[in-house]
Amino acid sequence: MTVTVEIAGTGSYLPAGKLTNDRLAAQLGIDEKWILEKTGIDERRVARAEEVTSDLAARAARLALADAGVPASEVDVLIVATVTPDQPIPATACFVQHKIGAVHAVAFDVAAGCSGSVFGLAMAHDMLVSNPQRNTAVVIGAEVFSRVMDYTDKKTSTLFGDGAGAIVLRKTPSGNGLITTLLASDGAKADLAYIEAGGARLPASADTVAAEQHYVRMNGYDIRTTVTSTLPKLVAALLDQAGHSIEDVHHIIPHQVNGVILRQWSDLLEVPPDLIHNIAAWSGNTGAASVPIALDHASRTGKLARGDLVMLISFGAGLTLGGVMLTW
């Protein structure tokens, strides 16, 4: 019998603190209108000093489990996608496992940049399908970018915010659920977005801190050019695998790279603008958290109907690209 894995619940958490364009513009010494025109973002969220990535992830996970009506004790797989972990060791997922009481879950992190949650969904799906003893997975994207942000760099600080989104996956006999997944990586483009220090190549030291090598850096122009050329191919391949055409798709839930680029994607993919869910104006770019946050928002605002065909698409540092096709 074919095993189907469906999304049983979603949840998201954005910290209460807001970094608005007027505050950021004053800090950067630029016009706040420039920020909105270039990014389509009005505000981004900032975690409290005592909040860490696992705190945000745990709050989103609890909401997703409540939405699914599933106790944490039934979770078999717990994946946290992040590039801003609580600490290098252990995995942030292990902290989340303990905080939510998912005592039976195998817990680990995925570092695939902003594609992390889509990579996590594909991995969780395969882990459930391959093992009859596993029935439930929680995939969380969570980032606290404010701890690795250079607030004198307008190329990054105008984009990134903090937040977490979670998705509960369950085996189902209904036939609705994940249809296909597609993941890709191109290490030749690893220099498009990075944090230079803090790993084995450049261990943390007084020198790396003084040289500001622990901040997120990115080449926005090259990222945009690369995505413009590769995204249509990713979408076409995903549709081909799923046996559908773009006309069949009811919703595209993309990585919230920025609001301006998402508006351009409707022309790039030749779809109506309202097909692409765009929450960047009030969330900012939350990295691996952005797809599950956007999916949760679409669900909780009643935009998704049973049986709708939904496409999740993302790209991130690495370079990584990922897509999921599912029936809601």
Protein backbone atom coordinates (compact mmCIF):
# COMPACT_ATOMS: atom_id res chain seq x y z
CA MET A 1 0.00 0.00 0.00
CA THR A 2 1.30 3.47 -0.90
CA VAL A 3 2.11 5.61 2.12
CA THR A 4 1.08 9.26 1.96
CA VAL A 5 2.45 11.92 4.28
CA GLU A 6 0.34 15.04 4.82
CA ILE A 7 0.72 18.33 6.63
CA ALA A 8 -1.41 17.90 9.74
CA GLY A 9 -0.67 21.24 11.40
CA THR A 10 1.32 24.45 11.20
CA GLY A 11 2.50 27.07 13.66
CA SER A 12 4.69 30.14 13.74
CA TYR A 13 6.18 32.57 16.20
CA LEU A 14 7.62 36.01 15.55
CA PRO A 15 9.17 37.95 18.45
CA ALA A 16 7.31 41.04 19.62
CA GLY A 17 10.23 43.40 19.02
CA LYS A 18 10.06 45.27 15.70
CA LEU A 19 12.83 46.96 13.77
CA THR A 20 10.97 49.38 11.53
CA ASN A 21 12.31 51.14 8.46
CA ASP A 22 12.40 54.55 10.12
CA ARG A 23 14.57 53.24 12.97
CA LEU A 24 16.84 51.30 10.65
CA ALA A 25 17.16 54.16 8.18
CA ALA A 26 18.24 56.53 10.94
CA GLN A 27 20.81 53.97 12.07
CA LEU A 28 22.16 53.47 8.54
CA GLY A 29 21.99 57.12 7.56
CA ILE A 30 19.75 56.46 4.54
CA ASP A 31 16.22 57.35 3.42
CA GLU A 32 13.59 54.95 4.75
CA LYS A 33 11.81 55.13 1.37
CA TRP A 34 14.90 53.58 -0.21
CA ILE A 35 14.53 50.52 2.04
CA LEU A 36 10.91 49.97 1.07
CA GLU A 37 11.57 50.55 -2.63
CA LYS A 38 14.50 48.10 -2.69
CA THR A 39 13.15 45.39 -0.37
CA GLY A 40 9.37 45.68 -0.07
CA ILE A 41 9.88 45.25 3.69
CA ASP A 42 8.34 47.60 6.28
CA GLU A 43 9.60 45.86 9.41
CA ARG A 44 11.46 42.85 10.65
CA ARG A 45 11.24 41.15 14.06
CA VAL A 46 13.98 41.05 16.70
CA ALA A 47 14.22 38.49 19.50
CA ARG A 48 14.56 39.60 23.10
CA ALA A 49 18.04 39.36 24.63
CA GLU A 50 17.06 36.24 26.58
CA GLU A 51 15.44 34.48 23.56
CA VAL A 52 17.51 32.01 21.57
CA THR A 53 16.75 30.02 18.44
CA SER A 54 15.45 26.98 20.33
CA ASP A 55 13.00 29.18 22.24
CA LEU A 56 11.47 30.50 19.03
CA ALA A 57 11.46 27.01 17.53
CA ALA A 58 9.78 25.48 20.57
CA ARG A 59 7.00 28.08 20.55
CA ALA A 60 6.28 27.47 16.87
CA ALA A 61 6.39 23.69 17.38
CA ARG A 62 3.89 23.81 20.24
CA LEU A 63 1.47 25.82 18.11
CA ALA A 64 1.84 23.42 15.18
CA LEU A 65 1.28 20.37 17.40
CA ALA A 66 -1.80 22.01 18.90
CA ASP A 67 -3.08 22.75 15.39
CA ALA A 68 -2.58 19.10 14.46
CA GLY A 69 -4.04 17.81 17.72
CA VAL A 70 -0.92 15.74 18.32
CA PRO A 71 0.89 15.43 21.67
CA ALA A 72 4.64 15.97 21.64
CA SER A 73 5.15 12.46 22.99
CA GLU A 74 3.99 11.07 19.64
CA VAL A 75 6.67 12.86 17.60
CA ASP A 76 9.10 10.40 16.01
CA VAL A 77 11.30 12.84 14.06
CA LEU A 78 12.19 16.43 14.97
CA ILE A 79 14.21 18.51 12.52
CA VAL A 80 15.33 22.09 13.06
CA ALA A 81 16.53 23.99 10.01
CA THR A 82 18.75 26.90 11.00
CA VAL A 83 22.00 28.72 10.31
CA THR A 84 21.81 30.54 13.64
CA PRO A 85 21.90 27.64 16.12
CA ASP A 86 21.91 28.15 19.88
CA GLN A 87 25.52 26.94 19.89
CA PRO A 88 27.78 24.76 17.67
CA ILE A 89 27.20 21.62 19.76
CA PRO A 90 24.72 20.09 20.47
CA ALA A 91 22.10 20.41 17.75
CA THR A 92 19.45 23.05 18.45
CA ALA A 93 16.86 20.35 17.75
CA CYS A 94 17.96 18.54 20.92
CA PHE A 95 17.19 21.65 22.99
CA VAL A 96 13.79 21.90 21.28
CA GLN A 97 13.09 18.22 21.88
CA HIS A 98 13.60 18.73 25.61
CA LYS A 99 11.63 22.00 25.76
CA ILE A 100 8.51 20.59 24.13
CA GLY A 101 8.70 17.11 25.67
CA ALA A 102 9.17 15.14 22.44
CA VAL A 103 10.88 12.39 24.41
CA HIS A 104 10.66 9.72 21.69
CA ALA A 105 11.85 11.85 18.78
CA VAL A 106 15.14 11.53 16.96
CA ALA A 107 16.29 15.16 16.80
CA PHE A 108 18.85 16.82 14.55
CA ASP A 109 19.59 20.05 12.67
CA VAL A 110 19.75 20.84 8.96
CA ALA A 111 22.01 23.64 7.70
CA ALA A 112 20.91 24.38 4.15
CA GLY A 113 20.59 28.14 4.37
CA CYS A 114 17.18 29.59 3.59
CA SER A 115 16.21 26.29 1.91
CA GLY A 116 16.62 24.44 5.21
CA SER A 117 12.96 23.89 6.05
CA VAL A 118 12.20 22.58 2.55
CA PHE A 119 15.19 20.24 2.81
CA GLY A 120 13.88 19.21 6.24
CA LEU A 121 10.43 18.44 4.84
CA ALA A 122 11.93 16.20 2.17
CA MET A 123 14.07 14.39 4.72
CA ALA A 124 11.21 13.97 7.21
CA HIS A 125 8.93 12.65 4.47
CA ASP A 126 11.48 10.02 3.47
CA MET A 127 12.12 9.02 7.07
CA LEU A 128 8.42 8.45 7.69
CA VAL A 129 7.87 6.55 4.45
CA SER A 130 10.90 4.30 4.94
CA ASN A 131 10.07 3.16 8.47
CA PRO A 132 6.66 1.72 9.44
CA GLN A 133 7.41 2.51 13.10
CA ARG A 134 7.54 6.26 12.42
CA ASN A 135 4.27 8.15 11.97
CA THR A 136 4.85 11.77 12.96
CA ALA A 137 7.51 14.38 12.24
CA VAL A 138 7.92 18.03 13.15
CA VAL A 139 9.99 20.23 10.84
CA ILE A 140 10.93 23.65 12.16
CA GLY A 141 12.69 26.57 10.53
CA ALA A 142 14.06 29.01 13.09
CA GLU A 143 16.48 31.91 12.90
CA VAL A 144 17.79 34.65 15.19
CA PHE A 145 19.58 36.67 12.54
CA SER A 146 19.77 39.74 14.77
CA ARG A 147 22.73 38.10 16.58
CA VAL A 148 24.77 37.79 13.37
CA MET A 149 23.72 41.00 11.64
CA ASP A 150 25.94 43.97 10.86
CA TYR A 151 23.59 46.90 11.37
CA THR A 152 25.92 49.19 9.42
CA ASP A 153 25.50 47.05 6.27
CA LYS A 154 22.40 48.07 4.34
CA LYS A 155 22.68 45.04 2.02
CA THR A 156 21.85 42.62 4.82
CA SER A 157 20.38 44.51 7.78
CA THR A 158 17.45 45.81 5.73
CA LEU A 159 16.40 42.25 4.87
CA PHE A 160 16.78 39.81 7.73
CA GLY A 161 14.58 39.26 10.76
CA ASP A 162 14.00 36.72 13.51
CA GLY A 163 11.25 34.12 13.64
CA ALA A 164 10.26 30.46 13.57
CA GLY A 165 7.75 28.33 11.71
CA ALA A 166 6.83 24.69 12.24
CA ILE A 167 5.08 21.98 10.23
CA VAL A 168 3.69 18.68 11.55
CA LEU A 169 3.78 15.75 9.13
CA ARG A 170 1.67 12.61 9.63
CA LYS A 171 1.07 9.46 7.67
CA THR A 172 -2.45 9.47 6.25
CA PRO A 173 -4.79 7.18 4.30
CA SER A 174 -6.59 10.17 2.74
CA GLY A 175 -4.41 10.47 -0.36
CA ASN A 176 -3.79 14.17 0.28
CA GLY A 177 -0.24 15.15 1.16
CA LEU A 178 3.25 15.51 -0.27
CA ILE A 179 3.38 14.52 -3.94
CA THR A 180 7.04 15.04 -4.72
CA THR A 181 10.16 16.85 -3.53
CA LEU A 182 13.13 18.22 -5.44
CA LEU A 183 16.42 19.35 -3.89
CA ALA A 184 19.56 20.71 -5.52
CA SER A 185 22.89 22.25 -4.50
CA ASP A 186 25.69 24.10 -6.28
CA GLY A 187 28.81 24.45 -4.14
CA ALA A 188 30.51 26.53 -6.82
CA LYS A 189 28.28 29.39 -5.65
CA ALA A 190 29.08 29.01 -1.96
CA ASP A 191 30.50 32.52 -1.84
CA LEU A 192 27.17 34.24 -2.58
CA ALA A 193 26.07 34.24 1.07
CA TYR A 194 28.14 33.25 4.09
CA ILE A 195 29.39 33.84 7.62
CA GLU A 196 33.15 33.70 7.25
CA ALA A 197 34.38 32.92 10.77
CA GLY A 198 33.38 30.64 13.61
CA GLY A 199 34.16 27.30 11.96
CA ALA A 200 37.26 25.16 11.42
CA ARG A 201 38.64 27.45 8.70
CA LEU A 202 38.58 30.58 10.87
CA PRO A 203 37.95 29.66 14.51
CA ALA A 204 36.52 32.42 16.67
CA SER A 205 39.20 34.68 18.07
CA ALA A 206 39.73 38.27 19.09
CA ASP A 207 41.06 38.88 15.58
CA THR A 208 37.99 37.48 13.78
CA VAL A 209 35.68 39.47 16.03
CA ALA A 210 37.67 42.66 15.44
CA ALA A 211 37.56 42.00 11.68
CA GLU A 212 33.74 41.61 11.86
CA GLN A 213 33.91 38.15 10.28
CA HIS A 214 31.02 36.70 12.28
CA TYR A 215 28.33 38.63 10.43
CA VAL A 216 26.18 37.49 7.51
CA ARG A 217 27.57 38.72 4.22
CA MET A 218 25.98 38.34 0.79
CA ASN A 219 26.29 39.34 -2.84
CA GLY A 220 22.71 40.35 -3.54
CA TYR A 221 23.13 41.10 -7.23
CA ASP A 222 24.67 37.71 -8.03
CA ILE A 223 22.09 35.90 -5.90
CA ARG A 224 19.26 37.61 -7.76
CA THR A 225 20.85 36.82 -11.15
CA THR A 226 21.38 33.18 -10.21
CA VAL A 227 17.86 32.70 -8.91
CA THR A 228 16.34 34.43 -11.94
CA SER A 229 18.06 31.91 -14.20
CA THR A 230 17.50 28.78 -12.09
CA LEU A 231 14.10 29.25 -10.46
CA PRO A 232 12.00 28.65 -13.61
CA LYS A 233 13.97 25.44 -14.22
CA LEU A 234 13.34 24.29 -10.64
CA VAL A 235 9.62 24.98 -10.91
CA ALA A 236 9.38 23.25 -14.30
CA ALA A 237 11.20 20.17 -13.01
CA LEU A 238 9.04 20.03 -9.89
CA LEU A 239 5.86 20.25 -11.93
CA ASP A 240 7.11 17.57 -14.30
CA GLN A 241 7.86 15.21 -11.40
CA ALA A 242 4.42 15.86 -9.94
CA GLY A 243 2.65 15.39 -13.26
CA HIS A 244 1.06 18.84 -13.17
CA SER A 245 1.22 22.11 -15.06
CA ILE A 246 1.58 25.56 -13.55
CA GLU A 247 -2.10 26.18 -14.33
CA ASP A 248 -3.01 23.45 -11.82
CA VAL A 249 -1.28 25.21 -8.91
CA HIS A 250 -3.49 27.09 -6.45
CA HIS A 251 -0.74 28.52 -4.20
CA ILE A 252 2.99 29.16 -4.36
CA ILE A 253 4.56 29.57 -0.91
CA PRO A 254 8.09 30.86 -1.54
CA HIS A 255 11.07 31.73 0.58
CA GLN A 256 10.46 35.35 1.57
CA VAL A 257 13.68 36.70 0.09
CA ASN A 258 12.20 40.19 -0.13
CA GLY A 259 8.90 41.67 -1.21
CA VAL A 260 10.16 43.32 -4.39
CA ILE A 261 11.71 40.13 -5.75
CA LEU A 262 8.58 38.11 -4.93
CA ARG A 263 6.47 40.54 -6.93
CA GLN A 264 8.87 40.07 -9.85
CA TRP A 265 8.50 36.30 -9.64
CA SER A 266 4.94 36.44 -10.97
CA ASP A 267 6.36 37.68 -14.29
CA LEU A 268 9.30 35.29 -14.11
CA LEU A 269 7.02 32.27 -13.58
CA GLU A 270 4.18 33.70 -15.69
CA VAL A 271 1.58 33.37 -12.94
CA PRO A 272 -0.93 35.82 -11.41
CA PRO A 273 0.62 37.92 -8.59
CA ASP A 274 -1.90 36.70 -6.02
CA LEU A 275 -0.77 33.09 -6.59
CA ILE A 276 2.50 33.90 -4.81
CA HIS A 277 2.12 34.40 -1.06
CA ASN A 278 4.11 37.44 0.03
CA ILE A 279 4.40 38.27 3.74
CA ALA A 280 7.83 39.91 3.56
CA ALA A 281 6.47 43.37 4.36
CA TRP A 282 5.86 42.47 8.00
CA SER A 283 8.13 39.46 8.54
CA GLY A 284 11.28 40.35 6.62
CA ASN A 285 13.53 37.55 5.40
CA THR A 286 13.53 34.95 8.17
CA GLY A 287 15.78 32.49 6.35
CA ALA A 288 14.87 28.85 6.89
CA ALA A 289 11.82 29.97 8.87
CA SER A 290 10.23 31.93 6.04
CA VAL A 291 8.48 29.11 4.16
CA PRO A 292 6.81 27.56 7.24
CA ILE A 293 5.86 31.01 8.57
CA ALA A 294 4.27 31.91 5.22
CA LEU A 295 2.53 28.53 5.03
CA ASP A 296 1.15 28.94 8.55
CA HIS A 297 -0.10 32.44 7.72
CA ALA A 298 -1.82 31.17 4.56
CA SER A 299 -3.46 28.36 6.56
CA ARG A 300 -4.60 30.46 9.51
CA THR A 301 -6.02 33.22 7.31
CA GLY A 302 -8.20 30.71 5.45
CA LYS A 303 -6.43 30.96 2.10
CA LEU A 304 -5.83 27.22 1.78
CA ALA A 305 -8.72 24.89 0.97
CA ARG A 306 -8.79 21.13 1.23
CA GLY A 307 -7.53 19.66 -2.03
CA ASP A 308 -5.62 22.76 -3.15
CA LEU A 309 -2.38 22.11 -5.01
CA VAL A 310 0.43 23.93 -3.15
CA MET A 311 4.03 24.52 -4.23
CA LEU A 312 6.74 25.36 -1.71
CA ILE A 313 9.93 26.78 -3.25
CA SER A 314 13.15 28.08 -1.75
CA PHE A 315 16.77 28.93 -2.36
CA GLY A 316 19.58 29.69 0.03
CA ALA A 317 23.26 29.80 0.85
CA GLY A 318 25.22 26.90 -0.46
CA LEU A 319 23.81 27.45 -3.12
CA THR A 320 20.76 25.36 -2.25
CA LEU A 321 17.40 25.09 -3.97
CA GLY A 322 14.39 23.11 -2.93
CA GLY A 323 10.78 22.50 -3.86
CA VAL A 324 7.82 20.51 -2.54
CA MET A 325 4.51 19.82 -4.27
CA LEU A 326 1.61 18.82 -2.07
CA THR A 327 -2.14 18.50 -1.96
CA TRP A 328 -3.52 20.39 1.02
